[in-house]
């Protein structure tokens, strides 16, 4: 006898591995990711940190690396669960924090370096 309904899998599908170009767009470079890990959390000042995107890239896509700030793991989880307000960071300040983070990263790079290389 044939089933009338399809069996539904309860496991999430595995996420696709990012392409090199997509990684460069989302995180900048591996050196930038390592630098971000060494920065203090913008919410609590602790470390090590993760790269946290301050806005969405739209349609389930991450924003570019210019819109990122360092957040420690507990703050990053809290931000995903309850939003930026739960960290005491007003949403209006996020573009400024991302700008300062980008500026500080640029200060660590030699003049003329292409930061988009992974």
Foldseek 3Di string as FASTA:
>chain_A
DDDPDDDDDPDDDDDDDDDLQLCLFAAQEPVSQVVLLPFAAPQPGHGRWGWDFLDDPPPPHRHGQLRTHTHHPVVNVCCVVPNPVVSVDDSVCSNVRSNVSVVVVVVVDDPPDRRSHD
